[in-house]
């Protein structure tokens, strides 16, 4: 039996596909680039909060803007397209960062707000995905300040009463971005924080053990958040496993 080594593909430049899959991928990317509704004002609203501009779900602070710069940044290497709007949006994001490190919100560090927690986690990962393709000291500095927020507030978010809430998965999904931040900086504080968050990923996928927190009183965990948390755990294991660390189980 032959043993194949894990191949790590750095970005889309090394990926090539054919036929319908290639066509659909290119059409999806083209739609994002050419769709007039995805203009800078729309994308940035979840961090800019422009008075009088009302966009649905803008309270999920950093969600769309983070996913946009991350996904389009990575996909641009597949199609070899350089999207000017992508770079304008990415460069605009740091101007909305607050002294806490959070982007687009003045929320205090001892406040539980799951929409904000979700959006900031997606934003952190998106910034680092963009930075991995288009290195930027400004973008990395923004990501580091946001990462420092997670380091400082880890004791607060580790409290049992917070962890029991059903939407806690909105916090643990930030693990993906924190692992990526450690990989970009090699700062041990980020690795320590990532390991701790991985240990706190809820084991009750259906949410049976959690306390329902209004307005998120739906049954079960948020599947997207749970999958993102698991992807973060895999990235952490891949990173620490190379150095002989024990795999994390996510146990509470």
Protein backbone atom coordinates (compact mmCIF):
# COMPACT_ATOMS: atom_id res chain seq x y z
CA UNK A 1 0.00 0.00 0.00
CA UNK A 2 1.40 3.37 -0.97
CA UNK A 3 1.25 6.31 1.42
CA UNK A 4 0.53 9.70 -0.10
CA UNK A 5 1.83 12.86 1.54
CA UNK A 6 -0.61 15.70 2.22
CA UNK A 7 -0.29 18.32 -0.48
CA UNK A 8 -0.92 21.89 0.61
CA UNK A 9 -1.99 24.19 -2.22
CA UNK A 10 -1.06 27.80 -1.33
CA UNK A 11 -3.67 29.50 -3.50
CA UNK A 12 -5.81 29.21 -6.63
CA UNK A 13 -2.92 29.65 -9.04
CA UNK A 14 -2.12 25.98 -8.54
CA UNK A 15 -5.72 24.85 -9.13
CA UNK A 16 -6.99 23.93 -12.58
CA UNK A 17 -10.25 22.28 -13.51
CA UNK A 18 -12.20 21.69 -16.68
CA UNK A 19 -15.68 21.48 -18.10
CA UNK A 20 -18.79 22.45 -16.19
CA UNK A 21 -17.03 22.97 -12.86
CA UNK A 22 -14.62 25.45 -14.39
CA UNK A 23 -17.46 27.25 -16.17
CA UNK A 24 -19.62 27.53 -13.07
CA UNK A 25 -16.75 28.77 -10.95
CA UNK A 26 -15.87 31.48 -13.46
CA UNK A 27 -19.51 32.52 -13.81
CA UNK A 28 -19.86 32.82 -10.04
CA UNK A 29 -16.78 35.01 -9.80
CA UNK A 30 -17.90 37.10 -12.75
CA UNK A 31 -21.32 37.63 -11.18
CA UNK A 32 -19.78 39.01 -8.00
CA UNK A 33 -17.51 41.33 -9.95
CA UNK A 34 -20.12 42.64 -12.40
CA UNK A 35 -23.28 42.68 -10.26
CA UNK A 36 -24.03 46.38 -9.70
CA UNK A 37 -25.68 45.65 -6.36
CA UNK A 38 -22.30 44.59 -4.95
CA UNK A 39 -20.91 48.10 -4.94
CA UNK A 40 -18.55 49.48 -2.30
CA UNK A 41 -21.32 51.14 -0.29
CA UNK A 42 -23.27 47.88 -0.02
CA UNK A 43 -20.26 45.75 0.89
CA UNK A 44 -18.82 48.14 3.47
CA UNK A 45 -22.12 49.04 5.16
CA UNK A 46 -21.69 46.41 7.86
CA UNK A 47 -18.62 48.32 9.13
CA UNK A 48 -19.34 51.83 7.83
CA UNK A 49 -22.94 52.13 9.08
CA UNK A 50 -23.61 55.18 6.93
CA UNK A 51 -26.57 57.19 8.31
CA UNK A 52 -29.64 56.76 6.14
CA UNK A 53 -28.24 53.73 4.30
CA UNK A 54 -30.23 50.73 5.45
CA UNK A 55 -28.92 47.34 4.36
CA UNK A 56 -30.31 44.08 5.68
CA UNK A 57 -28.14 42.30 8.25
CA UNK A 58 -25.71 45.19 8.65
CA UNK A 59 -25.73 44.44 12.40
CA UNK A 60 -23.68 41.32 11.57
CA UNK A 61 -20.73 43.65 11.68
CA UNK A 62 -18.01 42.65 9.17
CA UNK A 63 -19.79 39.59 7.76
CA UNK A 64 -20.30 40.54 4.11
CA UNK A 65 -17.23 42.77 3.88
CA UNK A 66 -15.02 40.06 5.34
CA UNK A 67 -16.39 37.29 3.17
CA UNK A 68 -16.14 39.50 0.09
CA UNK A 69 -12.45 40.39 0.43
CA UNK A 70 -11.55 36.83 1.41
CA UNK A 71 -13.46 34.93 -1.24
CA UNK A 72 -12.76 37.30 -4.11
CA UNK A 73 -9.12 37.64 -3.11
CA UNK A 74 -8.63 33.87 -3.23
CA UNK A 75 -10.71 33.40 -6.39
CA UNK A 76 -8.86 36.12 -8.26
CA UNK A 77 -5.81 33.86 -8.33
CA UNK A 78 -7.82 31.22 -10.17
CA UNK A 79 -9.03 33.51 -12.93
CA UNK A 80 -5.97 35.80 -12.90
CA UNK A 81 -8.33 38.77 -12.56
CA UNK A 82 -7.30 41.87 -10.64
CA UNK A 83 -10.47 43.51 -9.33
CA UNK A 84 -9.98 47.19 -8.53
CA UNK A 85 -13.04 47.31 -6.27
CA UNK A 86 -11.69 44.42 -4.21
CA UNK A 87 -8.60 46.41 -3.33
CA UNK A 88 -10.57 49.58 -2.59
CA UNK A 89 -12.85 47.71 -0.20
CA UNK A 90 -9.95 45.95 1.53
CA UNK A 91 -8.02 49.20 1.99
CA UNK A 92 -11.12 50.93 3.36
CA UNK A 93 -11.81 48.42 6.14
CA UNK A 94 -8.99 49.47 8.56
CA UNK A 95 -10.32 53.04 8.77
CA UNK A 96 -13.37 51.70 10.63
CA UNK A 97 -11.33 49.98 13.34
CA UNK A 98 -11.86 51.12 16.93
CA UNK A 99 -9.44 51.28 19.84
CA UNK A 100 -10.74 47.93 21.10
CA UNK A 101 -9.61 46.31 17.86
CA UNK A 102 -13.19 45.67 16.74
CA UNK A 103 -14.06 46.99 13.31
CA UNK A 104 -17.17 49.08 12.70
CA UNK A 105 -18.54 48.87 16.24
CA UNK A 106 -18.02 50.71 19.52
CA UNK A 107 -19.13 47.69 21.52
CA UNK A 108 -17.47 47.39 24.91
CA UNK A 109 -15.21 44.41 25.53
CA UNK A 110 -17.48 42.95 28.23
CA UNK A 111 -20.61 42.76 26.05
CA UNK A 112 -22.04 39.58 24.52
CA UNK A 113 -23.36 40.38 21.06
CA UNK A 114 -23.48 37.33 18.83
CA UNK A 115 -24.13 39.11 15.50
CA UNK A 116 -21.03 41.23 16.14
CA UNK A 117 -19.06 38.16 17.23
CA UNK A 118 -20.03 36.39 14.02
CA UNK A 119 -19.20 39.31 11.74
CA UNK A 120 -15.83 40.03 13.35
CA UNK A 121 -14.78 36.41 13.02
CA UNK A 122 -15.64 36.34 9.32
CA UNK A 123 -13.89 39.68 8.86
CA UNK A 124 -10.70 38.49 10.57
CA UNK A 125 -10.46 35.47 8.30
CA UNK A 126 -11.29 37.50 5.20
CA UNK A 127 -8.57 40.05 5.92
CA UNK A 128 -5.99 37.29 6.30
CA UNK A 129 -7.13 35.48 3.15
CA UNK A 130 -6.77 38.74 1.24
CA UNK A 131 -3.36 39.38 2.84
CA UNK A 132 -2.17 35.90 1.87
CA UNK A 133 -2.67 36.81 -1.80
CA UNK A 134 -2.02 40.56 -1.73
CA UNK A 135 0.38 41.18 1.18
CA UNK A 136 -0.37 44.44 2.95
CA UNK A 137 1.16 45.76 6.16
CA UNK A 138 -1.96 47.86 6.79
CA UNK A 139 -4.31 44.89 6.40
CA UNK A 140 -2.14 42.68 8.60
CA UNK A 141 -1.94 45.40 11.26
CA UNK A 142 -5.74 45.64 11.24
CA UNK A 143 -6.01 41.86 11.63
CA UNK A 144 -3.49 41.91 14.49
CA UNK A 145 -5.43 44.57 16.39
CA UNK A 146 -8.59 42.52 15.98
CA UNK A 147 -6.70 39.41 17.05
CA UNK A 148 -5.50 41.25 20.16
CA UNK A 149 -9.15 41.83 21.07
CA UNK A 150 -9.66 38.05 21.12
CA UNK A 151 -6.56 37.59 23.27
CA UNK A 152 -7.66 40.20 25.82
CA UNK A 153 -11.29 39.12 26.04
CA UNK A 154 -10.69 35.36 26.16
CA UNK A 155 -11.42 35.15 29.94
CA UNK A 156 -14.76 36.92 29.45
CA UNK A 157 -15.86 34.72 26.55
CA UNK A 158 -14.71 31.63 28.50
CA UNK A 159 -17.22 32.19 31.30
CA UNK A 160 -19.63 29.29 31.75
CA UNK A 161 -22.72 31.46 31.46
CA UNK A 162 -21.58 32.79 28.09
CA UNK A 163 -20.60 29.37 26.78
CA UNK A 164 -23.99 27.86 27.61
CA UNK A 165 -25.80 30.19 25.25
CA UNK A 166 -26.98 28.52 22.06
CA UNK A 167 -25.40 31.06 19.74
CA UNK A 168 -21.94 30.64 21.31
CA UNK A 169 -20.88 29.02 18.04
CA UNK A 170 -20.94 32.56 16.59
CA UNK A 171 -17.88 33.20 18.75
CA UNK A 172 -15.97 29.95 18.27
CA UNK A 173 -16.08 30.27 14.46
CA UNK A 174 -13.42 33.00 14.85
CA UNK A 175 -10.99 30.13 15.40
CA UNK A 176 -10.35 29.95 11.64
CA UNK A 177 -9.14 33.53 11.53
CA UNK A 178 -7.09 33.30 14.73
CA UNK A 179 -5.21 30.27 13.44
CA UNK A 180 -4.58 32.12 10.16
CA UNK A 181 -3.33 35.12 12.15
CA UNK A 182 -0.88 32.92 14.03
CA UNK A 183 0.34 31.49 10.75
CA UNK A 184 0.88 35.01 9.39
CA UNK A 185 2.66 36.37 12.48
CA UNK A 186 3.95 33.43 14.54
CA UNK A 187 2.93 35.29 17.71
CA UNK A 188 2.36 32.78 20.50
CA UNK A 189 -0.53 34.71 22.06
CA UNK A 190 -2.65 33.90 19.02
CA UNK A 191 -1.77 30.21 19.18
CA UNK A 192 -2.63 30.04 22.89
CA UNK A 193 -5.95 31.77 22.22
CA UNK A 194 -6.71 29.46 19.31
CA UNK A 195 -6.06 26.36 21.40
CA UNK A 196 -8.35 27.60 24.15
CA UNK A 197 -11.20 28.44 21.76
CA UNK A 198 -10.85 25.02 20.13
CA UNK A 199 -11.35 23.43 23.53
CA UNK A 200 -14.56 25.42 23.95
CA UNK A 201 -16.24 24.48 20.66
CA UNK A 202 -19.61 23.04 21.84
CA UNK A 203 -19.99 19.28 21.57
CA UNK A 204 -23.80 19.37 21.51
CA UNK A 205 -24.30 19.92 17.78
CA UNK A 206 -28.06 20.01 18.21
CA UNK A 207 -27.85 22.58 20.98
CA UNK A 208 -29.51 20.31 23.54
CA UNK A 209 -27.23 21.40 26.39
CA UNK A 210 -27.32 25.10 25.62
CA UNK A 211 -29.47 27.91 26.95
CA UNK A 212 -31.57 29.60 24.27
CA UNK A 213 -30.73 33.27 23.90
CA UNK A 214 -33.25 35.60 22.30
CA UNK A 215 -33.56 36.41 19.44
CA UNK A 216 -31.79 33.16 18.48
CA UNK A 217 -34.37 30.74 19.85
CA UNK A 218 -34.23 28.27 16.98
CA UNK A 219 -33.55 24.57 17.67
CA UNK A 220 -30.01 23.34 17.12
CA UNK A 221 -26.67 25.02 16.49
CA UNK A 222 -25.99 27.27 13.52
CA UNK A 223 -24.60 24.78 10.98
CA UNK A 224 -22.40 27.28 9.13
CA UNK A 225 -20.86 28.46 12.39
CA UNK A 226 -20.29 24.90 13.51
CA UNK A 227 -18.59 23.94 10.25
CA UNK A 228 -16.39 27.04 10.42
CA UNK A 229 -15.42 26.10 13.97
CA UNK A 230 -14.50 22.59 12.83
CA UNK A 231 -12.44 23.98 9.95
CA UNK A 232 -10.58 26.09 12.49
CA UNK A 233 -9.93 23.01 14.61
CA UNK A 234 -8.58 21.16 11.58
CA UNK A 235 -6.30 24.09 10.71
CA UNK A 236 -5.05 24.21 14.29
CA UNK A 237 -4.37 20.48 14.38
CA UNK A 238 -2.56 20.68 11.06
CA UNK A 239 -0.43 23.50 12.43
CA UNK A 240 0.36 22.10 15.87
CA UNK A 241 0.47 18.45 14.76
CA UNK A 242 3.56 19.18 12.69
CA UNK A 243 5.33 20.02 15.95
CA UNK A 244 4.18 16.94 17.81
CA UNK A 245 1.31 18.55 19.74
CA UNK A 246 -1.59 16.41 20.86
CA UNK A 247 -4.72 16.75 18.72
CA UNK A 248 -7.49 18.83 20.26
CA UNK A 249 -10.86 17.18 20.85
CA UNK A 250 -12.97 20.28 21.41
CA UNK A 251 -14.07 18.88 24.77
CA UNK A 252 -15.76 21.20 27.22
